[in-house]
Structure formats: structure tokens, C-alpha cells
Amino acid sequence: MRTKAGTREWLGLAVLALPTLLVSMDMTILYLATPSLSAALRPNAAELLWISDIYAFLVAGALIPMGAIGDRIGRRRLLLIGSVFFGLASILAAFSTSAAMLIVARAILGIAGATLLPSTLALIRNLFHSPEQRGLAIGIWTTCFTLGGVLGPPVGGFLLQHFWWGSVFLIGVPVMAALILLGPVFLPECREEDGETVDYPSVFLSMTSLLAIAYGVKHIAEAGVTAMAAAILGFGAAVGWVFVRRQKRLEAPLVDLALFRCPSFTAALGANTMALFAWVGVSLLVAQYLQLVLGMAPMMAGLWTIPPAAACVAGCLGAPALARRIAPGTIVALALLLVAAGFAIMAAFTSGFGLFAIVAGMMVLGLGVATIVTMGTDLILTAAPPQKAGAASAISETGAEIGGGLGVALLGSIGVAVYRAMVLIPGNLANEDAAAARDTLGAAVDVAKELPDASGTILMTSAQHAFERGLVIATAAGCGVLLVTAFLFAWTNLRHHASRPEFQGQQETL
């Protein structure tokens, strides 16, 4: 009989919620601060790009090594070490006096953030042994991670309205201080019993491969498929192949490849990846649609994201209750169909109903995504042996990062391609303005405001209509992708192999 968690374990979950909320918030809180820090530090275009992107890149690249290191040295120890560096790097970022200094600070924040996420999730696996309680705990963890990303822009906006741009980083300092003080009290120390050493060449290969893949996907999302992007992705794939080959030869691999022989693990990982593909990919298009097509101010656009965020919370907290009555594989399959339905609503009704269709579609999509991530994460942790919880958590988070990047690259590229094909550029525009207006909707809106009434109206109307068509076609493509995913990943695999989220032992996994 499994031991039920008591007050101490739930207080430990509350402690783990702090870094979870903060790490996801730090991914989005910089959005509104970019103009202010640009005026203060005067970065060039390349520096500004790295200030925005290096955090997410290094989080994605360092997750797997940090998860494995946590299994070796102790997850609580790694969590506390990471919190110290996260707090110090936050102070460094807040008081940066140059773009280069801020880039270095953001890089340290990314590596430190990669120590926090897998450690928090792995410790939940160790704190909660009851399947029902663990499912609820993971639902709360997922809710915190989701809300962090949603709260980032409004919190950043509030701080910028009252303080200087560096204040957006300082919110991490008291959170990390609380974690350092409360962690040793409420969190147990957990590590692999055999105390195997870390294979540092594998750490280097893993980070190199994932950073190259993340950079390549980001490049495709911004500039389309180019020879440079293909070369970078090819390099990342080649290094990844070397990494996998090395893991097969090691007695103590950084990533236990036997995990991928468990059908529940691989199917749940695939479902999680595709859920984030859907959410991140469409969110970027929707944010532009609300502001540049419907003409909303940033604050009003942010308020309209509250209903989808509420649907996400409902999915996170409702999934464990459903799992008491329905097999998790069936839940994940149906939730993937729900995500496809959200895409279908936006594809079918955006042109006629605008805001209503977008909000309704995002609510349905968000409900499905949150359910998938909650159930999928539980299945991933359950499939892995407890001593490998850190590595399994890191693989799960890495899949989510890659899925989000692919969503932006694929759905964003479809939207941009349709926009560029359909937008009508007035013949009296200068070549530079015409090229800018054809490139992005934001540039077209800026150019249209500077034109005489007739030409400006033509360009504005055409650009907004072209972007709307791009959104419709991108969501239709997303619907097709998720329908295929529902049957290939979830239905055929999870339906037969995943029981309710309960540790099955190592026989099936290994």
C-alpha cells in the first residue's frame, strides 16, 4: 500500500511551485521591456536578438545534462545550487551596463533555469507516491508553469510602468531566497543509489546538438528555410547521432535509452511535444492578430488571453480527476482531438466571427493542451524508475521546448508564406517600404500609417486580410497535424500500453 502524502509534502510542493512559476515567467517577462532596455543599452540588431533568445536556447540545451546531473549529485542539491546562480544572475541582469553584460547574465539565467525545472518535477515524483496525489501535484505544477508564461507580460508591464527596465529581473531574487531557505526544510534529498559519475563528453554533445537544433528552428521561424538553417540543423542532427551512439556504449549513460523502449514513455513524450507545438505555434499568430488586425492595445489583448488561460488551469486540475475513471491513454487521445477541434474552430470561423472564434478556439485548444501536458508528464514520470526521475523530467521538458520551437517554425512559416503571397502593395511605395510591408504585418501597419489616406487604407486592409488568411490556413494545417498525432501517438500506443498513472515497475520500461 502506498504512503499518502501529508502536510510536509504539500508544503514541499508549494516550495517547488516558486521556481516553476518564475522560470516560465522569465521566458516572457522581457517582451515589454525590450524598448526600454534598447534605449538604455543601445544594442545592435544581433545583440538584441541574443538578449531575447539566449535564455530559451540555453534552457533547452541544458535540460537533459542538468536532469542527469541532478540524478547523480542529488536533486535538492542541484535545485539549491541553481537557485543561487539564478538569483545572482538576476541581479547581474538588472544592473547590466552594456548589451554584452546582459547577454552573459541571460545565459547564466538560462543554465540556472535548466537546473530548476527537471529538479522540481523529479522531486514531485519522490514526494508523492500515491498515483492520485501525484496526478494532482503534477496538475498544480503544470498550472504554475502555464500561469508563469501568461503572467510574464502583465507583471513586466506593471514593473516598467513604475520602475526601470532592470526591475523585471529582480522579482527572481526574493523567490530564489525563499527557495534557498525553505528547500532544505521541506524537500527531501534524492539521488541515484549507485552514485555514478557524470560523463562530461556526453554533456558537451547533448548541449551542442540541442543548441544547434534550437537555433536552426528559430532561424527557420524568422527567415524561412535557408541553406544556413539546413546546415545548422544537419550539424545538430549529426552531433545528436554521435551522442546517441555514445550512450549505447556507456555503462552509466547520461540518457538511459531504455526509457524510449517503453511505449507509454515514448507515446506520452510525443503527445506532450505536439501539444506544445500547437500552443506555442498558434499563440504567436493570435497575439499579432489581436493587436495588428483587430487593433487592440497590448493591455486589452492581454486581457483576452485570460479565458484561454483559465481553460488551461481547468485542464491541469481536471485531468487527475478524469484519470480516476478513464484510462490515461484514452484521455490523452481525446485531448489531442480537442486540440485539433480548437484549431478547427479558428480555421472555420475566424473570417466571419473574428475575436469570438479566436477566443473560443483558444479556450478549447488550451483545455486540450493542459490536459495532455498534465497526463503526459505523469505517464512519463511513471514509466521511468524513480532513480531516473530527473533524466525523465529533463527529456519531457526538452521535448516541450522543441515542440514549441517547431510550432513557431511550421505554423509561423505557413502564416508568413500566405501573408506574403496575398498582400497587395501599392505601386507608389518606395522599394524599401514595399519590401518591409511585404515581409511582416507589423511593418505593413507602420508603413500604412505614413501613407496618404487612400494608399494607406488599401495597404492596411490588404495586409490585415492577408494575415487573417494566413492564420486560417495555419490553423487548418495544425488541425490536420493534431488529428494525425491523435491516432498515431496516443490512440494506437497509449490506449494499449498506459494504465492509470501508477508506477508499473521497471519490467516494461527496461
Protein backbone atom coordinates (compact mmCIF):
# COMPACT_ATOMS: atom_id res chain seq x y z
CA MET A 1 0.00 0.00 0.00
CA ARG A 2 1.32 3.40 -0.98
CA THR A 3 2.02 6.06 1.60
CA LYS A 4 -0.22 9.09 1.34
CA ALA A 5 1.49 12.47 1.31
CA GLY A 6 0.98 14.65 4.36
CA THR A 7 1.27 18.33 5.20
CA ARG A 8 5.05 18.34 4.84
CA GLU A 9 4.88 17.01 1.27
CA TRP A 10 2.23 19.53 0.21
CA LEU A 11 4.31 22.34 1.72
CA GLY A 12 7.23 20.96 -0.29
CA LEU A 13 5.08 21.25 -3.43
CA ALA A 14 4.37 24.88 -2.55
CA VAL A 15 8.13 25.47 -2.32
CA LEU A 16 8.62 23.81 -5.73
CA ALA A 17 5.89 25.98 -7.24
CA LEU A 18 8.04 29.10 -6.69
CA PRO A 19 10.85 28.32 -9.16
CA THR A 20 8.41 26.71 -11.61
CA LEU A 21 6.36 29.91 -11.81
CA LEU A 22 9.47 32.06 -12.04
CA VAL A 23 11.31 30.12 -14.77
CA SER A 24 8.33 30.19 -17.13
CA MET A 25 7.64 33.84 -16.29
CA ASP A 26 11.23 34.72 -17.15
CA MET A 27 10.68 33.39 -20.68
CA THR A 28 8.05 36.06 -21.43
CA ILE A 29 8.60 38.90 -18.97
CA LEU A 30 11.22 40.53 -21.21
CA TYR A 31 8.78 41.11 -24.08
CA LEU A 32 7.58 44.53 -22.94
CA ALA A 33 10.97 45.59 -21.56
CA THR A 34 12.74 45.37 -24.93
CA PRO A 35 12.08 49.02 -25.97
CA SER A 36 13.26 50.35 -22.58
CA LEU A 37 16.44 48.32 -22.40
CA SER A 38 17.16 49.11 -26.06
CA ALA A 39 17.06 52.82 -25.27
CA ALA A 40 19.28 52.34 -22.21
CA LEU A 41 21.88 49.87 -23.53
CA ARG A 42 21.66 50.61 -27.28
CA PRO A 43 22.25 47.03 -28.51
CA ASN A 44 22.67 46.40 -32.21
CA ALA A 45 20.25 44.06 -34.02
CA ALA A 46 22.30 40.92 -33.36
CA GLU A 47 22.77 41.76 -29.67
CA LEU A 48 19.06 42.44 -29.24
CA LEU A 49 18.28 39.07 -30.80
CA TRP A 50 20.63 37.27 -28.42
CA ILE A 51 19.24 39.15 -25.40
CA SER A 52 15.79 37.83 -26.30
CA ASP A 53 16.74 34.29 -27.35
CA ILE A 54 19.76 33.08 -25.40
CA TYR A 55 17.76 32.30 -22.25
CA ALA A 56 15.38 29.90 -24.01
CA PHE A 57 18.22 28.40 -26.08
CA LEU A 58 20.30 27.51 -23.04
CA VAL A 59 17.31 26.24 -21.08
CA ALA A 60 16.56 23.86 -23.97
CA GLY A 61 20.18 22.82 -24.41
CA ALA A 62 21.00 22.26 -20.74
CA LEU A 63 17.84 20.46 -19.56
CA ILE A 64 18.99 16.89 -20.27
CA PRO A 65 22.51 17.31 -18.80
CA MET A 66 21.13 19.02 -15.71
CA GLY A 67 18.46 16.39 -15.21
CA ALA A 68 21.08 13.63 -15.31
CA ILE A 69 23.45 15.57 -13.06
CA GLY A 70 20.62 16.01 -10.54
CA ASP A 71 20.08 12.25 -10.51
CA ARG A 72 23.80 11.81 -9.72
CA ILE A 73 24.54 14.53 -7.16
CA GLY A 74 21.07 14.94 -5.66
CA ARG A 75 18.03 16.79 -6.99
CA ARG A 76 17.61 19.05 -3.99
CA ARG A 77 21.30 19.95 -4.05
CA LEU A 78 21.14 20.84 -7.75
CA LEU A 79 17.94 22.82 -7.18
CA LEU A 80 19.56 24.89 -4.43
CA ILE A 81 22.78 25.43 -6.41
CA GLY A 82 20.75 26.53 -9.41
CA SER A 83 18.66 28.89 -7.28
CA VAL A 84 21.81 30.64 -6.00
CA PHE A 85 23.09 31.20 -9.53
CA PHE A 86 19.63 32.23 -10.76
CA GLY A 87 19.37 34.86 -8.04
CA LEU A 88 22.89 36.22 -8.66
CA ALA A 89 22.37 36.27 -12.42
CA SER A 90 19.06 38.13 -11.92
CA ILE A 91 20.92 40.88 -10.04
CA LEU A 92 23.61 40.96 -12.73
CA ALA A 93 20.95 41.29 -15.44
CA ALA A 94 19.04 44.01 -13.59
CA PHE A 95 22.11 46.22 -13.24
CA SER A 96 23.74 45.48 -16.61
CA THR A 97 25.54 48.45 -18.10
CA SER A 98 26.03 47.04 -21.60
CA ALA A 99 24.32 44.68 -24.03
CA ALA A 100 27.18 42.18 -23.72
CA MET A 101 26.81 42.14 -19.93
CA LEU A 102 23.08 41.49 -20.23
CA ILE A 103 23.65 38.66 -22.73
CA VAL A 104 26.06 36.98 -20.31
CA ALA A 105 23.57 37.40 -17.46
CA ARG A 106 20.75 35.93 -19.55
CA ALA A 107 22.98 33.00 -20.50
CA ILE A 108 23.66 32.24 -16.81
CA LEU A 109 19.94 32.56 -16.13
CA GLY A 110 19.23 30.01 -18.86
CA ILE A 111 21.66 27.44 -17.49
CA ALA A 112 20.41 28.03 -13.94
CA GLY A 113 16.81 27.74 -15.14
CA ALA A 114 17.66 24.36 -16.66
CA THR A 115 18.68 23.11 -13.21
CA LEU A 116 15.36 24.15 -11.70
CA LEU A 117 12.71 22.64 -13.99
CA PRO A 118 13.76 18.95 -14.03
CA SER A 119 14.66 19.10 -10.34
CA THR A 120 11.21 20.37 -9.34
CA LEU A 121 9.40 17.75 -11.42
CA ALA A 122 11.67 14.91 -10.27
CA LEU A 123 11.20 15.90 -6.62
CA ILE A 124 7.43 15.72 -7.11
CA ARG A 125 7.96 12.12 -8.22
CA ASN A 126 9.79 11.48 -4.96
CA LEU A 127 7.38 13.41 -2.71
CA PHE A 128 4.12 11.84 -3.94
CA HIS A 129 3.90 8.05 -4.20
CA SER A 130 0.12 7.81 -4.37
CA PRO A 131 -0.97 7.93 -8.06
CA GLU A 132 -3.97 10.16 -7.28
CA GLN A 133 -1.97 12.63 -5.21
CA ARG A 134 0.91 12.65 -7.70
CA GLY A 135 -1.50 13.37 -10.54
CA LEU A 136 -2.93 16.34 -8.65
CA ALA A 137 0.57 17.56 -7.74
CA ILE A 138 1.66 17.44 -11.38
CA GLY A 139 -1.54 19.27 -12.33
CA ILE A 140 -0.64 22.04 -9.87
CA TRP A 141 2.95 22.09 -11.22
CA THR A 142 1.67 22.40 -14.79
CA THR A 143 -0.72 25.16 -13.73
CA CYS A 144 2.15 27.13 -12.19
CA PHE A 145 4.27 26.71 -15.31
CA THR A 146 1.38 27.80 -17.56
CA LEU A 147 0.45 30.78 -15.41
CA GLY A 148 4.06 31.92 -15.25
CA GLY A 149 4.17 32.35 -19.02
CA VAL A 150 0.79 34.12 -19.02
CA LEU A 151 1.69 36.44 -16.13
CA GLY A 152 5.08 37.44 -17.56
CA PRO A 153 3.92 40.30 -19.84
CA PRO A 154 1.40 41.93 -17.44
CA VAL A 155 3.80 41.71 -14.49
CA GLY A 156 6.55 43.11 -16.67
CA GLY A 157 4.25 45.91 -17.82
CA PHE A 158 3.37 46.84 -14.24
CA LEU A 159 7.03 46.95 -13.18
CA LEU A 160 8.02 49.01 -16.22
CA GLN A 161 5.27 51.49 -15.50
CA HIS A 162 6.63 52.16 -12.01
CA PHE A 163 10.35 51.28 -12.17
CA TRP A 164 13.27 50.98 -14.60
CA TRP A 165 13.73 48.12 -17.09
CA GLY A 166 16.01 46.12 -14.80
CA SER A 167 13.22 45.66 -12.26
CA VAL A 168 11.74 42.84 -14.38
CA PHE A 169 14.70 40.68 -13.37
CA LEU A 170 14.72 41.48 -9.65
CA ILE A 171 11.48 39.61 -8.92
CA GLY A 172 13.58 36.45 -9.13
CA VAL A 173 15.76 37.42 -6.17
CA PRO A 174 13.21 37.08 -3.29
CA VAL A 175 11.77 33.93 -4.89
CA MET A 176 15.20 32.29 -5.02
CA ALA A 177 15.97 33.47 -1.48
CA ALA A 178 12.77 31.82 -0.23
CA LEU A 179 13.67 28.61 -2.08
CA ILE A 180 17.17 28.54 -0.54
CA LEU A 181 15.71 28.98 2.97
CA LEU A 182 12.71 26.64 2.70
CA GLY A 183 14.12 23.96 0.39
CA PRO A 184 16.29 22.20 3.00
CA VAL A 185 13.35 22.18 5.41
CA PHE A 186 10.58 20.75 3.23
CA LEU A 187 12.32 18.94 0.37
CA PRO A 188 13.98 15.52 0.63
CA GLU A 189 17.32 14.74 -0.96
CA CYS A 190 17.06 12.15 -3.74
CA ARG A 191 19.78 10.71 -5.97
CA GLU A 192 20.81 7.53 -7.73
CA GLU A 193 21.93 4.95 -5.20
CA ASP A 194 24.99 3.83 -7.19
CA GLY A 195 26.45 7.36 -7.36
CA GLU A 196 27.69 7.03 -10.94
CA THR A 197 29.86 9.84 -12.27
CA VAL A 198 28.70 12.24 -14.97
CA ASP A 199 30.05 11.63 -18.47
CA TYR A 200 31.06 15.17 -19.41
CA PRO A 201 31.70 14.45 -23.13
CA SER A 202 28.05 13.41 -23.28
CA VAL A 203 27.08 16.69 -21.61
CA PHE A 204 29.01 18.59 -24.30
CA LEU A 205 27.49 16.54 -27.15
CA SER A 206 23.96 16.88 -25.78
CA MET A 207 24.16 20.64 -25.34
CA THR A 208 25.82 21.16 -28.73
CA SER A 209 23.17 19.11 -30.53
CA LEU A 210 20.18 20.69 -28.83
CA LEU A 211 21.53 24.24 -29.13
CA ALA A 212 22.15 23.74 -32.85
CA ILE A 213 18.67 22.31 -33.38
CA ALA A 214 17.04 25.09 -31.34
CA TYR A 215 18.97 27.76 -33.24
CA GLY A 216 18.11 26.17 -36.58
CA VAL A 217 14.42 26.01 -35.76
CA LYS A 218 14.49 29.63 -34.56
CA HIS A 219 16.24 30.69 -37.78
CA ILE A 220 13.56 28.97 -39.88
CA ALA A 221 10.82 30.67 -37.86
CA GLU A 222 12.34 34.10 -38.53
CA ALA A 223 13.79 33.82 -42.04
CA GLY A 224 12.26 30.68 -43.54
CA VAL A 225 14.09 27.62 -44.81
CA THR A 226 17.59 28.68 -45.86
CA ALA A 227 20.85 26.90 -46.59
CA MET A 228 22.24 28.16 -43.27
CA ALA A 229 19.27 26.79 -41.31
CA ALA A 230 19.53 23.43 -43.08
CA ALA A 231 23.27 23.26 -42.36
CA ILE A 232 22.79 24.08 -38.68
CA LEU A 233 20.00 21.52 -38.29
CA GLY A 234 22.12 18.92 -40.11
CA PHE A 235 25.04 19.63 -37.80
CA GLY A 236 22.79 19.34 -34.75
CA ALA A 237 21.36 16.04 -36.00
CA ALA A 238 24.86 14.66 -36.69
CA VAL A 239 26.10 15.58 -33.22
CA GLY A 240 22.91 14.08 -31.78
CA TRP A 241 23.65 10.81 -33.62
CA VAL A 242 27.13 10.76 -32.10
CA PHE A 243 25.57 11.42 -28.67
CA VAL A 244 23.14 8.51 -29.04
CA ARG A 245 25.91 6.17 -30.20
CA ARG A 246 27.98 7.14 -27.17
CA GLN A 247 25.09 6.46 -24.78
CA LYS A 248 24.80 2.92 -26.10
CA ARG A 249 28.44 2.21 -25.19
CA LEU A 250 28.45 3.74 -21.70
CA GLU A 251 27.77 1.74 -18.56
CA ALA A 252 26.31 4.89 -16.96
CA PRO A 253 24.81 6.87 -19.86
CA LEU A 254 23.68 10.47 -19.50
CA VAL A 255 20.33 9.43 -21.01
CA ASP A 256 19.04 5.91 -20.43
CA LEU A 257 17.91 4.94 -23.94
CA ALA A 258 15.96 2.06 -22.46
CA LEU A 259 13.34 4.62 -21.46
CA PHE A 260 12.44 5.02 -25.13
CA ARG A 261 11.64 1.30 -25.37
CA CYS A 262 8.70 1.84 -23.04
CA PRO A 263 5.62 2.53 -25.25
CA SER A 264 3.96 4.68 -22.58
CA PHE A 265 7.05 6.86 -22.27
CA THR A 266 7.57 7.47 -25.99
CA ALA A 267 3.89 7.98 -26.76
CA ALA A 268 3.40 10.41 -23.87
CA LEU A 269 6.57 12.28 -24.84
CA GLY A 270 5.31 12.59 -28.41
CA ALA A 271 1.90 13.80 -27.25
CA ASN A 272 3.47 16.40 -24.94
CA THR A 273 5.73 17.64 -27.72
CA MET A 274 2.84 18.05 -30.14
CA ALA A 275 0.69 19.77 -27.50
CA LEU A 276 3.35 22.46 -27.06
CA PHE A 277 3.76 22.58 -30.85
CA ALA A 278 0.11 23.59 -31.03
CA TRP A 279 0.01 26.04 -28.13
CA VAL A 280 3.21 27.99 -28.78
CA GLY A 281 2.83 27.95 -32.56
CA VAL A 282 -0.66 29.43 -32.61
CA SER A 283 -0.16 31.81 -29.65
CA LEU A 284 2.33 33.91 -31.59
CA LEU A 285 -0.08 34.28 -34.52
CA VAL A 286 -3.01 35.08 -32.23
CA ALA A 287 -1.05 37.78 -30.36
CA GLN A 288 -0.35 39.55 -33.65
CA TYR A 289 -3.94 39.11 -34.84
CA LEU A 290 -5.42 40.70 -31.73
CA GLN A 291 -3.15 43.74 -31.87
CA LEU A 292 -2.48 44.32 -35.57
CA VAL A 293 -5.69 43.06 -37.21
CA LEU A 294 -8.29 43.81 -34.52
CA GLY A 295 -6.37 46.90 -33.36
CA MET A 296 -6.27 46.11 -29.64
CA ALA A 297 -3.87 47.79 -27.24
CA PRO A 298 -1.38 45.39 -25.61
CA MET A 299 -3.20 45.51 -22.27
CA MET A 300 -6.57 44.71 -23.85
CA ALA A 301 -5.02 41.90 -25.90
CA GLY A 302 -3.54 40.55 -22.69
CA LEU A 303 -6.95 40.57 -21.00
CA TRP A 304 -8.41 38.47 -23.82
CA THR A 305 -5.81 35.79 -23.06
CA ILE A 306 -7.37 35.26 -19.62
CA PRO A 307 -10.21 32.94 -20.82
CA PRO A 308 -7.77 30.56 -22.59
CA ALA A 309 -5.51 30.68 -19.52
CA ALA A 310 -8.49 29.77 -17.33
CA ALA A 311 -9.22 26.84 -19.66
CA CYS A 312 -5.59 25.73 -19.24
CA VAL A 313 -5.97 25.79 -15.45
CA ALA A 314 -9.17 23.74 -15.73
CA GLY A 315 -7.34 21.17 -17.85
CA CYS A 316 -4.38 20.97 -15.47
CA LEU A 317 -6.52 20.43 -12.39
CA GLY A 318 -9.28 18.40 -14.02
CA ALA A 319 -7.06 15.79 -15.69
CA PRO A 320 -6.20 13.93 -12.44
CA ALA A 321 -9.91 13.64 -11.60
CA LEU A 322 -10.66 12.19 -15.04
CA ALA A 323 -7.82 9.69 -14.61
CA ARG A 324 -9.69 8.06 -11.74
CA ARG A 325 -12.43 6.97 -14.16
CA ILE A 326 -10.83 6.86 -17.61
CA ALA A 327 -7.55 5.30 -18.76
CA PRO A 328 -4.88 7.99 -19.27
CA GLY A 329 -4.21 6.86 -22.84
CA THR A 330 -7.82 7.47 -23.74
CA ILE A 331 -7.74 10.88 -22.03
CA VAL A 332 -4.64 11.93 -23.97
CA ALA A 333 -6.11 10.73 -27.27
CA LEU A 334 -9.35 12.63 -26.69
CA ALA A 335 -7.43 15.73 -25.54
CA LEU A 336 -5.40 15.67 -28.75
CA LEU A 337 -8.68 15.61 -30.67
CA LEU A 338 -9.79 18.55 -28.52
CA VAL A 339 -6.67 20.48 -29.59
CA ALA A 340 -7.50 19.66 -33.21
CA ALA A 341 -11.05 20.93 -32.57
CA GLY A 342 -9.67 24.22 -31.26
CA PHE A 343 -7.65 24.61 -34.44
CA ALA A 344 -10.75 23.74 -36.49
CA ILE A 345 -12.85 26.43 -34.79
CA MET A 346 -10.26 29.10 -35.60
CA ALA A 347 -9.80 27.83 -39.16
CA ALA A 348 -13.53 27.69 -39.91
CA PHE A 349 -14.89 30.76 -38.14
CA THR A 350 -12.16 33.41 -37.76
CA SER A 351 -13.03 35.10 -41.07
CA GLY A 352 -16.67 35.54 -40.05
CA PHE A 353 -16.60 35.86 -36.25
CA GLY A 354 -13.15 37.29 -35.55
CA LEU A 355 -12.50 37.72 -31.84
CA PHE A 356 -15.22 35.29 -30.74
CA ALA A 357 -13.78 32.49 -32.89
CA ILE A 358 -10.23 33.17 -31.71
CA VAL A 359 -11.11 33.17 -28.01
CA ALA A 360 -13.40 30.13 -28.30
CA GLY A 361 -10.83 28.20 -30.34
CA MET A 362 -8.01 29.06 -27.94
CA MET A 363 -10.11 28.00 -24.95
CA VAL A 364 -10.82 24.60 -26.49
CA LEU A 365 -7.21 24.25 -27.59
CA GLY A 366 -5.88 25.34 -24.19
CA LEU A 367 -8.12 22.88 -22.36
CA GLY A 368 -6.79 20.06 -24.52
CA VAL A 369 -3.14 21.13 -24.28
CA ALA A 370 -3.21 21.44 -20.48
CA THR A 371 -4.86 18.03 -20.13
CA ILE A 372 -2.25 16.43 -22.39
CA VAL A 373 0.70 18.01 -20.62
CA THR A 374 -0.61 17.05 -17.18
CA MET A 375 -1.40 13.44 -18.10
CA GLY A 376 1.61 13.06 -20.38
CA THR A 377 4.03 14.31 -17.73
CA ASP A 378 2.55 11.89 -15.20
CA LEU A 379 2.88 9.00 -17.66
CA ILE A 380 6.49 9.94 -18.44
CA LEU A 381 7.46 10.05 -14.77
CA THR A 382 5.56 6.86 -14.02
CA ALA A 383 7.23 4.95 -16.86
CA ALA A 384 10.71 5.90 -15.61
CA PRO A 385 12.22 4.28 -12.49
CA PRO A 386 12.26 6.69 -9.51
CA GLN A 387 16.06 6.96 -9.60
CA LYS A 388 15.85 8.19 -13.20
CA ALA A 389 13.15 10.79 -12.47
CA GLY A 390 15.49 13.73 -13.12
CA ALA A 391 16.56 12.48 -16.55
CA ALA A 392 12.96 11.63 -17.49
CA SER A 393 11.77 15.09 -16.39
CA ALA A 394 14.51 16.73 -18.43
CA ILE A 395 13.61 14.72 -21.53
CA SER A 396 9.98 15.75 -21.07
CA GLU A 397 10.88 19.44 -20.78
CA THR A 398 13.26 19.23 -23.74
CA GLY A 399 10.50 17.74 -25.85
CA ALA A 400 8.25 20.62 -24.84
CA GLU A 401 10.91 23.18 -25.83
CA ILE A 402 11.48 21.52 -29.20
CA GLY A 403 7.75 21.21 -29.79
CA GLY A 404 7.22 24.91 -29.11
CA GLY A 405 10.04 25.83 -31.46
CA LEU A 406 8.68 23.60 -34.21
CA GLY A 407 5.23 25.11 -33.73
CA VAL A 408 6.56 28.61 -34.28
CA ALA A 409 8.64 27.45 -37.24
CA LEU A 410 5.93 25.47 -39.06
CA LEU A 411 2.72 27.34 -38.26
CA GLY A 412 4.51 30.71 -38.34
CA SER A 413 6.11 29.90 -41.68
CA ILE A 414 2.75 28.90 -43.17
CA GLY A 415 1.18 32.13 -41.93
CA VAL A 416 4.04 34.25 -43.27
CA ALA A 417 4.04 32.46 -46.64
CA VAL A 418 0.30 33.06 -47.12
CA TYR A 419 0.64 36.66 -45.98
CA ARG A 420 3.44 37.39 -48.45
CA ALA A 421 1.54 35.73 -51.29
CA MET A 422 -1.73 37.63 -50.68
CA VAL A 423 -0.74 41.13 -49.53
CA LEU A 424 -1.22 43.84 -52.15
CA ILE A 425 1.45 46.55 -52.16
CA PRO A 426 0.52 49.98 -53.66
CA GLY A 427 2.67 50.88 -56.65
CA ASN A 428 3.70 54.27 -55.26
CA LEU A 429 5.71 52.80 -52.36
CA ALA A 430 9.47 53.13 -52.20
CA ASN A 431 11.31 49.84 -52.68
CA GLU A 432 12.46 49.71 -49.06
CA ASP A 433 8.95 50.35 -47.70
CA ALA A 434 7.42 47.88 -50.14
CA ALA A 435 9.87 45.16 -49.08
CA ALA A 436 9.21 45.82 -45.39
CA ALA A 437 5.42 45.80 -45.84
CA ARG A 438 5.59 42.54 -47.78
CA ASP A 439 7.80 40.98 -45.11
CA THR A 440 5.62 41.33 -41.97
CA LEU A 441 2.22 42.63 -40.92
CA GLY A 442 3.78 44.87 -38.27
CA ALA A 443 5.90 46.65 -40.85
CA ALA A 444 2.89 46.98 -43.19
CA VAL A 445 0.86 48.66 -40.44
CA ASP A 446 3.69 51.11 -39.71
CA VAL A 447 4.14 51.92 -43.41
CA ALA A 448 0.38 52.33 -43.96
CA LYS A 449 0.18 54.94 -41.21
CA GLU A 450 2.67 57.13 -43.09
CA LEU A 451 0.86 56.95 -46.44
CA PRO A 452 -1.90 59.20 -47.81
CA ASP A 453 -5.39 58.09 -46.81
CA ALA A 454 -6.30 56.09 -49.93
CA SER A 455 -2.99 54.21 -50.30
CA GLY A 456 -2.69 53.69 -46.57
CA THR A 457 -6.20 52.24 -46.35
CA ILE A 458 -5.55 49.88 -49.27
CA LEU A 459 -2.31 48.61 -47.77
CA MET A 460 -3.73 48.29 -44.25
CA THR A 461 -6.85 46.42 -45.39
CA SER A 462 -4.91 44.14 -47.69
CA ALA A 463 -2.26 43.33 -45.10
CA GLN A 464 -4.80 42.58 -42.38
CA HIS A 465 -6.84 40.38 -44.68
CA ALA A 466 -3.71 38.55 -45.87
CA PHE A 467 -2.61 37.90 -42.28
CA GLU A 468 -6.06 36.64 -41.35
CA ARG A 469 -5.98 34.20 -44.28
CA GLY A 470 -2.52 33.08 -43.16
CA LEU A 471 -3.88 32.44 -39.65
CA VAL A 472 -6.81 30.46 -41.04
CA ILE A 473 -4.61 28.26 -43.24
CA ALA A 474 -2.01 27.77 -40.48
CA THR A 475 -4.70 26.64 -38.02
CA ALA A 476 -6.18 24.33 -40.66
CA ALA A 477 -2.74 22.78 -41.09
CA GLY A 478 -2.40 22.49 -37.31
CA CYS A 479 -5.75 20.71 -37.18
CA GLY A 480 -4.51 18.14 -39.69
CA VAL A 481 -1.24 17.59 -37.82
CA LEU A 482 -3.03 17.07 -34.50
CA LEU A 483 -5.55 14.66 -36.00
CA VAL A 484 -2.69 12.51 -37.26
CA THR A 485 -0.92 12.81 -33.90
CA ALA A 486 -4.04 11.77 -32.01
CA PHE A 487 -4.20 8.46 -33.81
CA LEU A 488 -0.51 7.68 -34.35
CA PHE A 489 0.92 8.67 -30.98
CA ALA A 490 -1.90 8.48 -28.48
CA TRP A 491 -4.61 6.12 -29.66
CA THR A 492 -2.57 3.26 -31.12
CA ASN A 493 0.16 3.39 -28.45
CA LEU A 494 -1.19 4.74 -25.18
CA ARG A 495 -4.58 3.03 -25.45
CA HIS A 496 -2.94 -0.38 -25.31
CA HIS A 497 0.01 0.29 -23.01
CA ALA A 498 -0.86 3.02 -20.49
CA SER A 499 -2.94 2.16 -17.48
CA ARG A 500 -3.88 4.69 -14.85
CA PRO A 501 -0.87 6.78 -13.76
CA GLU A 502 0.72 4.35 -11.36
CA PHE A 503 4.31 3.17 -11.22
CA GLN A 504 4.46 -0.09 -13.16
CA GLY A 505 7.91 -1.16 -12.04
CA GLN A 506 10.93 -1.40 -14.27
CA GLN A 507 9.94 -4.51 -16.17
CA GLU A 508 8.12 -2.72 -19.01
CA THR A 509 10.50 0.23 -19.06
CA LEU A 510 13.73 -1.69 -19.04
